[in-house]
C-alpha atoms as a PDB file:
ATOM      1  CA  UNK A   1     162.914 -64.076 112.423  1.00  0.00           C
ATOM      2  CA  UNK A   2     162.411 -67.750 111.588  1.00  0.00           C
ATOM      3  CA  UNK A   3     162.151 -70.381 114.285  1.00  0.00           C
ATOM      4  CA  UNK A   4     165.280 -71.683 115.982  1.00  0.00           C
ATOM      5  CA  UNK A   5     166.275 -75.281 116.696  1.00  0.00           C
ATOM      6  CA  UNK A   6     168.099 -76.494 119.760  1.00  0.00           C
ATOM      7  CA  UNK A   7     169.621 -79.848 120.619  1.00  0.00           C
ATOM      8  CA  UNK A   8     170.236 -81.066 124.143  1.00  0.00           C
ATOM      9  CA  UNK A   9     171.699 -83.898 126.170  1.00  0.00           C
ATOM     10  CA  UNK A  10     174.321 -84.707 128.776  1.00  0.00           C
ATOM     11  CA  UNK A  11     177.736 -83.837 127.338  1.00  0.00           C
ATOM     12  CA  UNK A  12     180.504 -86.471 127.600  1.00  0.00           C
ATOM     13  CA  UNK A  13     183.420 -85.202 129.684  1.00  0.00           C
ATOM     14  CA  UNK A  14     185.818 -82.904 127.810  1.00  0.00           C
ATOM     15  CA  UNK A  15     183.725 -83.128 124.626  1.00  0.00           C
ATOM     16  CA  UNK A  16     181.929 -79.770 124.827  1.00  0.00           C
ATOM     17  CA  UNK A  17     183.815 -78.311 121.867  1.00  0.00           C
ATOM     18  CA  UNK A  18     183.277 -81.376 119.661  1.00  0.00           C
ATOM     19  CA  UNK A  19     179.573 -81.656 120.575  1.00  0.00           C
ATOM     20  CA  UNK A  20     178.869 -77.992 119.796  1.00  0.00           C
ATOM     21  CA  UNK A  21     180.927 -78.061 116.596  1.00  0.00           C
ATOM     22  CA  UNK A  22     178.960 -81.035 115.281  1.00  0.00           C
ATOM     23  CA  UNK A  23     175.645 -79.361 116.080  1.00  0.00           C
ATOM     24  CA  UNK A  24     176.785 -76.128 114.458  1.00  0.00           C
ATOM     25  CA  UNK A  25     177.810 -78.018 111.306  1.00  0.00           C
ATOM     26  CA  UNK A  26     174.374 -79.667 111.144  1.00  0.00           C
ATOM     27  CA  UNK A  27     172.697 -76.265 111.284  1.00  0.00           C
ATOM     28  CA  UNK A  28     171.351 -76.178 114.827  1.00  0.00           C
ATOM     29  CA  UNK A  29     170.908 -72.724 116.325  1.00  0.00           C
ATOM     30  CA  UNK A  30     171.323 -73.657 119.992  1.00  0.00           C
ATOM     31  CA  UNK A  31     173.446 -76.219 121.817  1.00  0.00           C
ATOM     32  CA  UNK A  32     172.073 -76.998 125.273  1.00  0.00           C
ATOM     33  CA  UNK A  33     174.278 -78.650 127.885  1.00  0.00           C
ATOM     34  CA  UNK A  34     172.289 -80.826 130.288  1.00  0.00           C
ATOM     35  CA  UNK A  35     172.813 -80.292 134.023  1.00  0.00           C
ATOM     36  CA  UNK A  36     173.350 -83.393 136.161  1.00  0.00           C
ATOM     37  CA  UNK A  37     176.486 -84.004 138.224  1.00  0.00           C
ATOM     38  CA  UNK A  38     176.026 -87.793 137.976  1.00  0.00           C
ATOM     39  CA  UNK A  39     175.741 -87.823 134.177  1.00  0.00           C
ATOM     40  CA  UNK A  40     178.240 -85.178 133.083  1.00  0.00           C
ATOM     41  CA  UNK A  41     181.151 -83.020 134.154  1.00  0.00           C
ATOM     42  CA  UNK A  42     180.466 -79.387 135.044  1.00  0.00           C
ATOM     43  CA  UNK A  43     178.585 -77.930 132.091  1.00  0.00           C
ATOM     44  CA  UNK A  44     180.120 -74.460 132.332  1.00  0.00           C
ATOM     45  CA  UNK A  45     183.571 -75.909 131.687  1.00  0.00           C
ATOM     46  CA  UNK A  46     182.235 -77.699 128.622  1.00  0.00           C
ATOM     47  CA  UNK A  47     180.556 -74.485 127.459  1.00  0.00           C
ATOM     48  CA  UNK A  48     183.772 -72.481 127.695  1.00  0.00           C
ATOM     49  CA  UNK A  49     185.477 -74.982 125.411  1.00  0.00           C
ATOM     50  CA  UNK A  50     182.491 -74.813 123.056  1.00  0.00           C
ATOM     51  CA  UNK A  51     182.612 -71.012 123.012  1.00  0.00           C
ATOM     52  CA  UNK A  52     186.219 -71.062 121.859  1.00  0.00           C
ATOM     53  CA  UNK A  53     185.631 -73.734 119.212  1.00  0.00           C
ATOM     54  CA  UNK A  54     182.451 -72.408 117.554  1.00  0.00           C
ATOM     55  CA  UNK A  55     181.463 -69.189 115.809  1.00  0.00           C
ATOM     56  CA  UNK A  56     177.681 -69.173 115.383  1.00  0.00           C
ATOM     57  CA  UNK A  57     175.748 -71.584 117.580  1.00  0.00           C
ATOM     58  CA  UNK A  58     174.187 -70.232 120.774  1.00  0.00           C
ATOM     59  CA  UNK A  59     175.278 -71.941 123.993  1.00  0.00           C
ATOM     60  CA  UNK A  60     172.617 -72.700 126.604  1.00  0.00           C
ATOM     61  CA  UNK A  61     173.268 -73.949 130.133  1.00  0.00           C
ATOM     62  CA  UNK A  62     171.109 -76.651 131.594  1.00  0.00           C
ATOM     63  CA  UNK A  63     168.593 -75.559 132.578  1.00  0.00           C
ATOM     64  CA  UNK A  64     170.475 -75.168 135.855  1.00  0.00           C
ATOM     65  CA  UNK A  65     168.740 -74.577 139.170  1.00  0.00           C
ATOM     66  CA  UNK A  66     169.019 -72.499 142.336  1.00  0.00           C
ATOM     67  CA  UNK A  67     168.859 -75.497 144.676  1.00  0.00           C
ATOM     68  CA  UNK A  68     172.398 -76.643 143.897  1.00  0.00           C
ATOM     69  CA  UNK A  69     173.720 -73.286 142.584  1.00  0.00           C
ATOM     70  CA  UNK A  70     173.417 -69.777 144.041  1.00  0.00           C
ATOM     71  CA  UNK A  71     172.136 -67.100 141.594  1.00  0.00           C
ATOM     72  CA  UNK A  72     175.416 -65.179 141.884  1.00  0.00           C
ATOM     73  CA  UNK A  73     177.402 -68.337 141.130  1.00  0.00           C
ATOM     74  CA  UNK A  74     175.253 -69.010 138.052  1.00  0.00           C
ATOM     75  CA  UNK A  75     175.738 -65.421 136.856  1.00  0.00           C
ATOM     76  CA  UNK A  76     179.513 -65.523 137.310  1.00  0.00           C
ATOM     77  CA  UNK A  77     179.675 -68.859 135.441  1.00  0.00           C
ATOM     78  CA  UNK A  78     177.604 -67.866 132.400  1.00  0.00           C
ATOM     79  CA  UNK A  79     178.979 -64.322 131.984  1.00  0.00           C
ATOM     80  CA  UNK A  80     182.474 -65.480 130.882  1.00  0.00           C
ATOM     81  CA  UNK A  81     180.834 -67.675 128.244  1.00  0.00           C
ATOM     82  CA  UNK A  82     178.906 -64.648 126.978  1.00  0.00           C
ATOM     83  CA  UNK A  83     182.164 -62.725 126.676  1.00  0.00           C
ATOM     84  CA  UNK A  84     184.176 -65.580 125.140  1.00  0.00           C
ATOM     85  CA  UNK A  85     181.461 -66.412 122.588  1.00  0.00           C
ATOM     86  CA  UNK A  86     180.808 -62.841 121.507  1.00  0.00           C
ATOM     87  CA  UNK A  87     177.289 -62.757 122.958  1.00  0.00           C
ATOM     88  CA  UNK A  88     176.026 -66.281 122.193  1.00  0.00           C
ATOM     89  CA  UNK A  89     175.200 -67.451 125.732  1.00  0.00           C
ATOM     90  CA  UNK A  90     171.719 -68.258 127.094  1.00  0.00           C
ATOM     91  CA  UNK A  91     171.142 -68.874 130.800  1.00  0.00           C
ATOM     92  CA  UNK A  92     168.669 -71.730 131.242  1.00  0.00           C
ATOM     93  CA  UNK A  93     166.877 -71.940 134.593  1.00  0.00           C
ATOM     94  CA  UNK A  94     164.259 -74.303 136.055  1.00  0.00           C
ATOM     95  CA  UNK A  95     162.941 -75.514 139.432  1.00  0.00           C
ATOM     96  CA  UNK A  96     165.285 -78.484 139.313  1.00  0.00           C
ATOM     97  CA  UNK A  97     164.793 -82.015 138.023  1.00  0.00           C
ATOM     98  CA  UNK A  98     167.330 -84.845 137.957  1.00  0.00           C
ATOM     99  CA  UNK A  99     170.258 -82.712 139.159  1.00  0.00           C
ATOM    100  CA  UNK A 100     168.254 -81.818 142.247  1.00  0.00           C
ATOM    101  CA  UNK A 101     166.758 -85.288 142.779  1.00  0.00           C
ATOM    102  CA  UNK A 102     170.174 -86.942 142.607  1.00  0.00           C
ATOM    103  CA  UNK A 103     171.428 -84.479 145.213  1.00  0.00           C
ATOM    104  CA  UNK A 104     168.654 -85.687 147.505  1.00  0.00           C
ATOM    105  CA  UNK A 105     166.752 -82.418 147.313  1.00  0.00           C
ATOM    106  CA  UNK A 106     163.213 -81.466 146.154  1.00  0.00           C
ATOM    107  CA  UNK A 107     162.513 -78.986 143.316  1.00  0.00           C
ATOM    108  CA  UNK A 108     162.605 -75.345 144.364  1.00  0.00           C
ATOM    109  CA  UNK A 109     159.461 -73.746 145.744  1.00  0.00           C
ATOM    110  CA  UNK A 110     157.792 -71.099 143.596  1.00  0.00           C
ATOM    111  CA  UNK A 111     158.408 -68.144 145.935  1.00  0.00           C
ATOM    112  CA  UNK A 112     162.103 -68.960 146.233  1.00  0.00           C
ATOM    113  CA  UNK A 113     162.416 -69.424 142.483  1.00  0.00           C
ATOM    114  CA  UNK A 114     160.819 -66.023 141.884  1.00  0.00           C
ATOM    115  CA  UNK A 115     163.228 -64.369 144.322  1.00  0.00           C
ATOM    116  CA  UNK A 116     166.296 -66.028 142.820  1.00  0.00           C
ATOM    117  CA  UNK A 117     165.240 -65.235 139.244  1.00  0.00           C
ATOM    118  CA  UNK A 118     165.076 -61.583 140.232  1.00  0.00           C
ATOM    119  CA  UNK A 119     168.548 -61.765 141.765  1.00  0.00           C
ATOM    120  CA  UNK A 120     169.990 -63.560 138.734  1.00  0.00           C
ATOM    121  CA  UNK A 121     168.515 -60.940 136.418  1.00  0.00           C
ATOM    122  CA  UNK A 122     170.106 -58.151 138.454  1.00  0.00           C
ATOM    123  CA  UNK A 123     173.499 -59.813 138.324  1.00  0.00           C
ATOM    124  CA  UNK A 124     173.300 -60.468 134.577  1.00  0.00           C
ATOM    125  CA  UNK A 125     172.349 -56.816 133.939  1.00  0.00           C
ATOM    126  CA  UNK A 126     175.370 -55.811 136.047  1.00  0.00           C
ATOM    127  CA  UNK A 127     173.128 -54.211 138.625  1.00  0.00           C
ATOM    128  CA  UNK A 128     173.854 -54.157 142.350  1.00  0.00           C
ATOM    129  CA  UNK A 129     172.176 -56.820 144.471  1.00  0.00           C
ATOM    130  CA  UNK A 130     171.596 -55.871 148.106  1.00  0.00           C
ATOM    131  CA  UNK A 131     171.719 -58.391 150.942  1.00  0.00           C
ATOM    132  CA  UNK A 132     170.979 -56.522 154.129  1.00  0.00           C
ATOM    133  CA  UNK A 133     173.811 -54.013 154.532  1.00  0.00           C
ATOM    134  CA  UNK A 134     175.978 -55.680 151.872  1.00  0.00           C
ATOM    135  CA  UNK A 135     176.083 -54.998 148.149  1.00  0.00           C
ATOM    136  CA  UNK A 136     177.039 -57.531 145.488  1.00  0.00           C
ATOM    137  CA  UNK A 137     177.647 -57.275 141.731  1.00  0.00           C
ATOM    138  CA  UNK A 138     179.839 -58.763 138.997  1.00  0.00           C
ATOM    139  CA  UNK A 139     182.682 -56.274 139.455  1.00  0.00           C
ATOM    140  CA  UNK A 140     185.189 -58.554 137.743  1.00  0.00           C
ATOM    141  CA  UNK A 141     183.661 -57.885 134.314  1.00  0.00           C
ATOM    142  CA  UNK A 142     185.106 -54.359 134.305  1.00  0.00           C
ATOM    143  CA  UNK A 143     185.548 -53.129 130.745  1.00  0.00           C
ATOM    144  CA  UNK A 144     185.279 -56.539 129.112  1.00  0.00           C
ATOM    145  CA  UNK A 145     182.892 -56.668 126.086  1.00  0.00           C
ATOM    146  CA  UNK A 146     179.827 -57.955 127.914  1.00  0.00           C
ATOM    147  CA  UNK A 147     176.120 -57.747 127.047  1.00  0.00           C
ATOM    148  CA  UNK A 148     173.392 -59.088 129.393  1.00  0.00           C
ATOM    149  CA  UNK A 149     172.777 -62.821 129.038  1.00  0.00           C
ATOM    150  CA  UNK A 150     169.107 -63.678 128.296  1.00  0.00           C
ATOM    151  CA  UNK A 151     167.365 -65.910 130.839  1.00  0.00           C
ATOM    152  CA  UNK A 152     165.451 -68.904 129.475  1.00  0.00           C
ATOM    153  CA  UNK A 153     163.120 -70.386 132.082  1.00  0.00           C
ATOM    154  CA  UNK A 154     162.048 -73.936 131.293  1.00  0.00           C
ATOM    155  CA  UNK A 155     158.615 -74.664 132.777  1.00  0.00           C
ATOM    156  CA  UNK A 156     155.723 -77.137 132.786  1.00  0.00           C
ATOM    157  CA  UNK A 157     153.054 -76.080 135.278  1.00  0.00           C
ATOM    158  CA  UNK A 158     150.790 -73.023 135.037  1.00  0.00           C
ATOM    159  CA  UNK A 159     152.392 -71.179 137.967  1.00  0.00           C
ATOM    160  CA  UNK A 160     155.886 -71.652 136.585  1.00  0.00           C
ATOM    161  CA  UNK A 161     154.785 -70.597 133.088  1.00  0.00           C
ATOM    162  CA  UNK A 162     153.236 -67.431 134.546  1.00  0.00           C
ATOM    163  CA  UNK A 163     156.423 -66.696 136.497  1.00  0.00           C
ATOM    164  CA  UNK A 164     158.543 -67.124 133.382  1.00  0.00           C
ATOM    165  CA  UNK A 165     156.334 -64.651 131.518  1.00  0.00           C
ATOM    166  CA  UNK A 166     156.905 -62.168 134.317  1.00  0.00           C
ATOM    167  CA  UNK A 167     160.684 -62.457 134.776  1.00  0.00           C
ATOM    168  CA  UNK A 168     162.383 -64.318 131.899  1.00  0.00           C
ATOM    169  CA  UNK A 169     163.536 -63.309 128.416  1.00  0.00           C
ATOM    170  CA  UNK A 170     162.794 -66.713 126.924  1.00  0.00           C
ATOM    171  CA  UNK A 171     160.135 -69.221 127.991  1.00  0.00           C
ATOM    172  CA  UNK A 172     160.866 -72.889 127.342  1.00  0.00           C
ATOM    173  CA  UNK A 173     157.577 -74.770 127.520  1.00  0.00           C
ATOM    174  CA  UNK A 174     158.030 -78.391 128.548  1.00  0.00           C
ATOM    175  CA  UNK A 175     154.395 -79.392 128.058  1.00  0.00           C
ATOM    176  CA  UNK A 176     154.727 -81.752 125.097  1.00  0.00           C
ATOM    177  CA  UNK A 177     153.879 -81.275 121.449  1.00  0.00           C
ATOM    178  CA  UNK A 178     150.092 -81.475 121.550  1.00  0.00           C
ATOM    179  CA  UNK A 179     148.489 -78.415 119.930  1.00  0.00           C
ATOM    180  CA  UNK A 180     145.984 -78.431 122.799  1.00  0.00           C
ATOM    181  CA  UNK A 181     148.669 -78.113 125.486  1.00  0.00           C
ATOM    182  CA  UNK A 182     150.765 -75.624 123.529  1.00  0.00           C
ATOM    183  CA  UNK A 183     147.735 -73.364 123.072  1.00  0.00           C
ATOM    184  CA  UNK A 184     146.913 -73.775 126.772  1.00  0.00           C
ATOM    185  CA  UNK A 185     150.434 -72.700 127.744  1.00  0.00           C
ATOM    186  CA  UNK A 186     150.534 -69.794 125.271  1.00  0.00           C
ATOM    187  CA  UNK A 187     147.297 -68.461 126.753  1.00  0.00           C
ATOM    188  CA  UNK A 188     148.923 -68.435 130.208  1.00  0.00           C
ATOM    189  CA  UNK A 189     151.968 -66.664 128.769  1.00  0.00           C
ATOM    190  CA  UNK A 190     149.925 -63.965 127.071  1.00  0.00           C
ATOM    191  CA  UNK A 191     147.696 -63.386 130.085  1.00  0.00           C
ATOM    192  CA  UNK A 192     150.674 -63.191 132.448  1.00  0.00           C
ATOM    193  CA  UNK A 193     152.579 -60.842 130.157  1.00  0.00           C
ATOM    194  CA  UNK A 194     149.631 -58.468 130.114  1.00  0.00           C
ATOM    195  CA  UNK A 195     149.296 -58.581 133.903  1.00  0.00           C
ATOM    196  CA  UNK A 196     153.009 -57.785 134.254  1.00  0.00           C
ATOM    197  CA  UNK A 197     152.857 -54.890 131.800  1.00  0.00           C
ATOM    198  CA  UNK A 198     154.970 -56.746 129.250  1.00  0.00           C
ATOM    199  CA  UNK A 199     154.252 -57.585 125.607  1.00  0.00           C
ATOM    200  CA  UNK A 200     154.850 -60.608 123.391  1.00  0.00           C
ATOM    201  CA  UNK A 201     157.862 -58.770 121.945  1.00  0.00           C
ATOM    202  CA  UNK A 202     159.534 -58.924 125.370  1.00  0.00           C
ATOM    203  CA  UNK A 203     159.908 -62.720 125.294  1.00  0.00           C
ATOM    204  CA  UNK A 204     160.706 -65.563 122.939  1.00  0.00           C
ATOM    205  CA  UNK A 205     158.635 -68.709 123.509  1.00  0.00           C
ATOM    206  CA  UNK A 206     159.902 -72.194 122.733  1.00  0.00           C
ATOM    207  CA  UNK A 207     158.912 -75.832 123.187  1.00  0.00           C
ATOM    208  CA  UNK A 208     160.917 -78.790 124.500  1.00  0.00           C
ATOM    209  CA  UNK A 209     159.387 -81.768 122.663  1.00  0.00           C
ATOM    210  CA  UNK A 210     160.087 -85.507 122.321  1.00  0.00           C
ATOM    211  CA  UNK A 211     160.553 -86.118 118.593  1.00  0.00           C
ATOM    212  CA  UNK A 212     161.021 -89.288 116.533  1.00  0.00           C
ATOM    213  CA  UNK A 213     161.901 -89.479 112.839  1.00  0.00           C
ATOM    214  CA  UNK A 214     160.482 -92.675 111.367  1.00  0.00           C
ATOM    215  CA  UNK A 215     159.851 -94.004 107.886  1.00  0.00           C
ATOM    216  CA  UNK A 216     156.114 -94.349 108.473  1.00  0.00           C
ATOM    217  CA  UNK A 217     153.563 -92.674 110.752  1.00  0.00           C
ATOM    218  CA  UNK A 218     152.469 -96.059 112.069  1.00  0.00           C
ATOM    219  CA  UNK A 219     155.943 -96.573 113.552  1.00  0.00           C
ATOM    220  CA  UNK A 220     155.906 -93.283 115.481  1.00  0.00           C
ATOM    221  CA  UNK A 221     153.978 -94.212 118.672  1.00  0.00           C
ATOM    222  CA  UNK A 222     156.321 -97.091 119.484  1.00  0.00           C
ATOM    223  CA  UNK A 223     159.388 -94.991 118.688  1.00  0.00           C
ATOM    224  CA  UNK A 224     158.171 -92.115 120.870  1.00  0.00           C
ATOM    225  CA  UNK A 225     157.107 -94.207 123.851  1.00  0.00           C
ATOM    226  CA  UNK A 226     160.601 -94.677 125.414  1.00  0.00           C
ATOM    227  CA  UNK A 227     161.332 -90.958 124.934  1.00  0.00           C
ATOM    228  CA  UNK A 228     158.292 -89.468 126.590  1.00  0.00           C
ATOM    229  CA  UNK A 229     158.469 -90.351 130.293  1.00  0.00           C
ATOM    230  CA  UNK A 230     161.518 -88.176 130.996  1.00  0.00           C
ATOM    231  CA  UNK A 231     159.737 -85.139 129.576  1.00  0.00           C
ATOM    232  CA  UNK A 232     156.212 -85.894 130.785  1.00  0.00           C
ATOM    233  CA  UNK A 233     157.182 -86.446 134.414  1.00  0.00           C
ATOM    234  CA  UNK A 234     158.001 -82.711 134.615  1.00  0.00           C
ATOM    235  CA  UNK A 235     154.253 -82.162 134.290  1.00  0.00           C
ATOM    236  CA  UNK A 236     153.702 -84.434 137.299  1.00  0.00           C
ATOM    237  CA  UNK A 237     155.713 -82.458 139.867  1.00  0.00           C
ATOM    238  CA  UNK A 238     154.093 -81.760 143.250  1.00  0.00           C
ATOM    239  CA  UNK A 239     152.262 -78.452 143.114  1.00  0.00           C
ATOM    240  CA  UNK A 240     150.898 -79.072 139.616  1.00  0.00           C
ATOM    241  CA  UNK A 241     147.148 -79.780 139.682  1.00  0.00           C
ATOM    242  CA  UNK A 242     146.885 -83.066 137.805  1.00  0.00           C
ATOM    243  CA  UNK A 243     143.084 -83.026 137.925  1.00  0.00           C
ATOM    244  CA  UNK A 244     143.125 -80.028 135.562  1.00  0.00           C
ATOM    245  CA  UNK A 245     145.045 -81.940 132.888  1.00  0.00           C
ATOM    246  CA  UNK A 246     143.368 -83.722 129.940  1.00  0.00           C
ATOM    247  CA  UNK A 247     142.471 -87.326 130.756  1.00  0.00           C
ATOM    248  CA  UNK A 248     144.959 -88.729 128.231  1.00  0.00           C
ATOM    249  CA  UNK A 249     147.694 -86.888 130.114  1.00  0.00           C
ATOM    250  CA  UNK A 250     146.452 -87.307 133.662  1.00  0.00           C
ATOM    251  CA  UNK A 251     146.336 -91.101 133.472  1.00  0.00           C
ATOM    252  CA  UNK A 252     150.107 -91.043 132.833  1.00  0.00           C
ATOM    253  CA  UNK A 253     151.207 -88.132 135.039  1.00  0.00           C
ATOM    254  CA  UNK A 254     149.443 -89.660 138.054  1.00  0.00           C
ATOM    255  CA  UNK A 255     151.620 -92.760 137.652  1.00  0.00           C
ATOM    256  CA  UNK A 256     154.760 -90.716 136.999  1.00  0.00           C
ATOM    257  CA  UNK A 257     154.245 -88.588 140.108  1.00  0.00           C
ATOM    258  CA  UNK A 258     154.000 -91.720 142.232  1.00  0.00           C
ATOM    259  CA  UNK A 259     156.550 -94.049 140.641  1.00  0.00           C
ATOM    260  CA  UNK A 260     159.049 -92.165 138.419  1.00  0.00           C
ATOM    261  CA  UNK A 261     162.505 -93.706 138.904  1.00  0.00           C
ATOM    262  CA  UNK A 262     165.518 -91.415 138.362  1.00  0.00           C
ATOM    263  CA  UNK A 263     167.826 -94.392 137.953  1.00  0.00           C
ATOM    264  CA  UNK A 264     166.339 -94.653 134.438  1.00  0.00           C
ATOM    265  CA  UNK A 265     166.655 -90.895 133.744  1.00  0.00           C
ATOM    266  CA  UNK A 266     169.532 -91.331 131.291  1.00  0.00           C
ATOM    267  CA  UNK A 267     170.176 -92.334 127.697  1.00  0.00           C
ATOM    268  CA  UNK A 268     172.014 -95.623 128.311  1.00  0.00           C
ATOM    269  CA  UNK A 269     169.142 -97.630 129.803  1.00  0.00           C
ATOM    270  CA  UNK A 270     166.988-100.371 128.218  1.00  0.00           C
ATOM    271  CA  UNK A 271     164.158 -98.905 126.157  1.00  0.00           C
ATOM    272  CA  UNK A 272     161.680-100.985 128.124  1.00  0.00           C
ATOM    273  CA  UNK A 273     162.093 -99.956 131.761  1.00  0.00           C
ATOM    274  CA  UNK A 274     160.014 -98.981 134.783  1.00  0.00           C
ATOM    275  CA  UNK A 275     159.395 -95.463 133.501  1.00  0.00           C
ATOM    276  CA  UNK A 276     158.553 -96.514 129.961  1.00  0.00           C
ATOM    277  CA  UNK A 277     155.999 -98.993 131.293  1.00  0.00           C
ATOM    278  CA  UNK A 278     153.907 -96.094 132.614  1.00  0.00           C
ATOM    279  CA  UNK A 279     153.561 -94.613 129.116  1.00  0.00           C
ATOM    280  CA  UNK A 280     151.075 -95.995 126.576  1.00  0.00           C
ATOM    281  CA  UNK A 281     151.447 -95.463 122.837  1.00  0.00           C
ATOM    282  CA  UNK A 282     148.371 -93.238 122.532  1.00  0.00           C
ATOM    283  CA  UNK A 283     149.794 -90.815 125.080  1.00  0.00           C
ATOM    284  CA  UNK A 284     153.269 -90.974 123.537  1.00  0.00           C
ATOM    285  CA  UNK A 285     151.859 -90.017 120.134  1.00  0.00           C
ATOM    286  CA  UNK A 286     149.774 -87.225 121.707  1.00  0.00           C
ATOM    287  CA  UNK A 287     152.593 -85.782 123.824  1.00  0.00           C
ATOM    288  CA  UNK A 288     155.406 -86.185 121.276  1.00  0.00           C
ATOM    289  CA  UNK A 289     155.795 -85.556 117.559  1.00  0.00           C
ATOM    290  CA  UNK A 290     156.804 -88.504 115.416  1.00  0.00           C
ATOM    291  CA  UNK A 291     156.691 -89.708 111.842  1.00  0.00           C
ATOM    292  CA  UNK A 292     158.377 -89.131 108.487  1.00  0.00           C
ATOM    293  CA  UNK A 293     160.133 -85.763 108.035  1.00  0.00           C
ATOM    294  CA  UNK A 294     157.204 -84.354 106.041  1.00  0.00           C
ATOM    295  CA  UNK A 295     154.790 -85.084 108.899  1.00  0.00           C
ATOM    296  CA  UNK A 296     157.130 -83.635 111.525  1.00  0.00           C
ATOM    297  CA  UNK A 297     157.538 -80.499 109.402  1.00  0.00           C
ATOM    298  CA  UNK A 298     153.765 -80.123 109.195  1.00  0.00           C
ATOM    299  CA  UNK A 299     153.333 -80.513 112.960  1.00  0.00           C
ATOM    300  CA  UNK A 300     156.118 -78.096 113.871  1.00  0.00           C
ATOM    301  CA  UNK A 301     154.769 -75.472 111.477  1.00  0.00           C
ATOM    302  CA  UNK A 302     151.378 -75.800 113.197  1.00  0.00           C
ATOM    303  CA  UNK A 303     153.028 -75.224 116.573  1.00  0.00           C
ATOM    304  CA  UNK A 304     154.948 -72.255 115.196  1.00  0.00           C
ATOM    305  CA  UNK A 305     151.626 -70.800 114.061  1.00  0.00           C
ATOM    306  CA  UNK A 306     150.439 -71.188 117.669  1.00  0.00           C
ATOM    307  CA  UNK A 307     153.318 -68.965 118.788  1.00  0.00           C
ATOM    308  CA  UNK A 308     156.327 -71.268 119.248  1.00  0.00           C
ATOM    309  CA  UNK A 309     159.586 -69.598 118.192  1.00  0.00           C
ATOM    310  CA  UNK A 310     162.155 -72.272 119.016  1.00  0.00           C
ATOM    311  CA  UNK A 311     162.147 -76.051 119.365  1.00  0.00           C
ATOM    312  CA  UNK A 312     164.428 -78.204 121.527  1.00  0.00           C
ATOM    313  CA  UNK A 313     164.751 -81.958 121.070  1.00  0.00           C
ATOM    314  CA  UNK A 314     166.988 -84.937 121.824  1.00  0.00           C
ATOM    315  CA  UNK A 315     167.912 -86.913 118.721  1.00  0.00           C
ATOM    316  CA  UNK A 316     170.941 -89.061 117.933  1.00  0.00           C
ATOM    317  CA  UNK A 317     172.642 -90.653 114.955  1.00  0.00           C
ATOM    318  CA  UNK A 318     170.795 -90.937 111.618  1.00  0.00           C
ATOM    319  CA  UNK A 319     167.572 -89.502 113.115  1.00  0.00           C
ATOM    320  CA  UNK A 320     169.402 -86.355 114.167  1.00  0.00           C
ATOM    321  CA  UNK A 321     170.920 -85.999 110.704  1.00  0.00           C
ATOM    322  CA  UNK A 322     167.562 -86.507 108.968  1.00  0.00           C
ATOM    323  CA  UNK A 323     165.941 -83.976 111.270  1.00  0.00           C
ATOM    324  CA  UNK A 324     168.660 -81.412 110.548  1.00  0.00           C
ATOM    325  CA  UNK A 325     168.604 -82.003 106.792  1.00  0.00           C
ATOM    326  CA  UNK A 326     164.907 -82.569 106.092  1.00  0.00           C
ATOM    327  CA  UNK A 327     162.966 -80.879 108.890  1.00  0.00           C
ATOM    328  CA  UNK A 328     164.809 -77.789 110.086  1.00  0.00           C
ATOM    329  CA  UNK A 329     165.266 -76.089 106.676  1.00  0.00           C
ATOM    330  CA  UNK A 330     161.660 -76.729 105.664  1.00  0.00           C
ATOM    331  CA  UNK A 331     160.243 -75.318 108.913  1.00  0.00           C
ATOM    332  CA  UNK A 332     162.561 -72.308 108.765  1.00  0.00           C
ATOM    333  CA  UNK A 333     161.501 -71.587 105.198  1.00  0.00           C
ATOM    334  CA  UNK A 334     157.799 -71.841 106.006  1.00  0.00           C
ATOM    335  CA  UNK A 335     158.001 -69.687 109.139  1.00  0.00           C
ATOM    336  CA  UNK A 336     160.205 -66.936 107.715  1.00  0.00           C
ATOM    337  CA  UNK A 337     157.688 -65.985 105.013  1.00  0.00           C
END
């Protein structure tokens, strides 16, 4: 199976069908719907409209979190989309980023995340979940044509990556596009799979990467710089050991942990803002992937050879069209051989 390509962002209200249709027409494999109650209407409503309007593209929620949503609520929201789409749903899960921060809450602790992932998996497999002397399951599905929804855990730190390898069906690595960091994360995945008695065939590993399509490589660092902070700050969360990160990364994540401002965690802000100011061009070019289509193709093929099976990015307008036309087909062709 060749690599897959996903596109993500906060969906404008009542535009879920149109957004997914456009992505499907461009050739994307996965449409992700960003989770943030300040930036978008409820994503599951948008996904239902997308399920009815499209025929091929996979529909991915969030990632959502268990701080603002109970595992049973998540399961009962994504299961109808699986049924309506004919099996094209993916349930994205993470500790919680902007949706949690803007609710005045911290990201979920590891032990609680592990527990809730287990519960979500039971619900999605239509198993019975026991709470004391009470049993719970998705009885409403009945005889509807349902197949279990795969869980995609999006993760940045080593503990979260290891947990995803233990409990998820898909592992979305949000560690940037550096070969060094991708290899580092893949090693954690493979070691954790072995410890859990699982194999590489039990999961599909992807990468969430800032990407820029430019006419020249020299333009890439500046183009990437405003796009990197929102992704890199996930590697600065409390609980992640910054001292273990490469120096080029640590010098930025230390600032992001201390000063990241969620008021700039959106697309419609000035390119030069408080968060961007913490990111230098060398780091942006190291963490992201930018340049002409031929260069981006080369880099993504290298990451696929490291073990990446799907890529997720945020691109708009002509860049998005160039990426879909000139990058995705070339990478698919090279990785399907």
